[in-house]
C-alpha atoms as a PDB file:
ATOM      1  CA  UNK A   1     -38.461  99.896   1.842  1.00  0.00           C
ATOM      2  CA  UNK A   2     -36.031  97.778   3.604  1.00  0.00           C
ATOM      3  CA  UNK A   3     -36.832  94.862   6.108  1.00  0.00           C
ATOM      4  CA  UNK A   4     -35.030  93.022   8.166  1.00  0.00           C
ATOM      5  CA  UNK A   5     -35.403  89.029   8.720  1.00  0.00           C
ATOM      6  CA  UNK A   6     -34.718  86.809  12.000  1.00  0.00           C
ATOM      7  CA  UNK A   7     -34.424  82.915  11.594  1.00  0.00           C
ATOM      8  CA  UNK A   8     -32.812  80.451  14.090  1.00  0.00           C
ATOM      9  CA  UNK A   9     -29.862  78.083  12.477  1.00  0.00           C
ATOM     10  CA  UNK A  10     -28.973  75.287  14.971  1.00  0.00           C
ATOM     11  CA  UNK A  11     -28.203  77.195  18.270  1.00  0.00           C
ATOM     12  CA  UNK A  12     -27.638  81.069  16.832  1.00  0.00           C
ATOM     13  CA  UNK A  13     -30.030  83.747  15.413  1.00  0.00           C
ATOM     14  CA  UNK A  14     -29.123  84.632  11.973  1.00  0.00           C
ATOM     15  CA  UNK A  15     -30.532  88.050  10.691  1.00  0.00           C
ATOM     16  CA  UNK A  16     -30.661  90.085   7.300  1.00  0.00           C
ATOM     17  CA  UNK A  17     -31.442  93.475   6.210  1.00  0.00           C
ATOM     18  CA  UNK A  18     -33.441  92.906   2.936  1.00  0.00           C
ATOM     19  CA  UNK A  19     -33.992  95.659  -0.020  1.00  0.00           C
ATOM     20  CA  UNK A  20     -37.618  94.998  -1.886  1.00  0.00           C
ATOM     21  CA  UNK A  21     -35.906  92.680  -4.467  1.00  0.00           C
ATOM     22  CA  UNK A  22     -34.876  90.693  -1.631  1.00  0.00           C
ATOM     23  CA  UNK A  23     -31.170  91.163  -2.003  1.00  0.00           C
ATOM     24  CA  UNK A  24     -29.213  90.971   1.090  1.00  0.00           C
ATOM     25  CA  UNK A  25     -27.464  94.594   2.374  1.00  0.00           C
ATOM     26  CA  UNK A  26     -26.346  93.276   6.056  1.00  0.00           C
ATOM     27  CA  UNK A  27     -26.228  89.916   7.225  1.00  0.00           C
ATOM     28  CA  UNK A  28     -24.808  88.491  10.685  1.00  0.00           C
ATOM     29  CA  UNK A  29     -25.202  86.116  13.172  1.00  0.00           C
ATOM     30  CA  UNK A  30     -25.864  86.200  16.711  1.00  0.00           C
ATOM     31  CA  UNK A  31     -26.709  83.870  20.051  1.00  0.00           C
ATOM     32  CA  UNK A  32     -30.033  85.419  21.091  1.00  0.00           C
ATOM     33  CA  UNK A  33     -32.900  86.132  19.845  1.00  0.00           C
ATOM     34  CA  UNK A  34     -32.430  90.027  21.089  1.00  0.00           C
ATOM     35  CA  UNK A  35     -29.098  90.647  19.925  1.00  0.00           C
ATOM     36  CA  UNK A  36     -29.680  89.689  17.151  1.00  0.00           C
ATOM     37  CA  UNK A  37     -33.088  91.485  16.592  1.00  0.00           C
ATOM     38  CA  UNK A  38     -30.833  94.533  18.382  1.00  0.00           C
ATOM     39  CA  UNK A  39     -27.769  94.364  15.294  1.00  0.00           C
ATOM     40  CA  UNK A  40     -30.839  93.818  12.748  1.00  0.00           C
ATOM     41  CA  UNK A  41     -31.839  97.725  14.079  1.00  0.00           C
ATOM     42  CA  UNK A  42     -28.797  98.716  14.205  1.00  0.00           C
ATOM     43  CA  UNK A  43     -28.062  97.332  10.791  1.00  0.00           C
ATOM     44  CA  UNK A  44     -30.893  99.066   9.418  1.00  0.00           C
ATOM     45  CA  UNK A  45     -30.419 102.457  11.254  1.00  0.00           C
ATOM     46  CA  UNK A  46     -26.899 102.309   9.730  1.00  0.00           C
ATOM     47  CA  UNK A  47     -28.107 101.513   6.634  1.00  0.00           C
ATOM     48  CA  UNK A  48     -30.831 104.240   6.938  1.00  0.00           C
ATOM     49  CA  UNK A  49     -28.219 107.226   7.892  1.00  0.00           C
ATOM     50  CA  UNK A  50     -25.912 106.657   4.695  1.00  0.00           C
ATOM     51  CA  UNK A  51     -29.155 108.165   2.310  1.00  0.00           C
ATOM     52  CA  UNK A  52     -28.930 103.980   1.256  1.00  0.00           C
ATOM     53  CA  UNK A  53     -30.754 103.989  -2.405  1.00  0.00           C
ATOM     54  CA  UNK A  54     -31.446 100.890  -4.510  1.00  0.00           C
ATOM     55  CA  UNK A  55     -29.250 101.746  -7.143  1.00  0.00           C
ATOM     56  CA  UNK A  56     -26.447 101.421  -4.895  1.00  0.00           C
ATOM     57  CA  UNK A  57     -26.362  97.712  -5.070  1.00  0.00           C
ATOM     58  CA  UNK A  58     -26.428  97.515  -8.987  1.00  0.00           C
ATOM     59  CA  UNK A  59     -23.036  96.854 -10.520  1.00  0.00           C
ATOM     60  CA  UNK A  60     -21.708 100.027 -12.425  1.00  0.00           C
END
């Protein structure tokens, strides 16, 4: 199961989409919390729409 996390960094908000092991799948920075939440949901949707699997992050 993928999850997203939003945290404050000085004047901006950072967002990350992570896999169950805590590895970052996508990340970004926005000026406002609603913008960070929107981008995180958007990235989560894009990752899921590509049929992402946990094995995709492992080196081959």
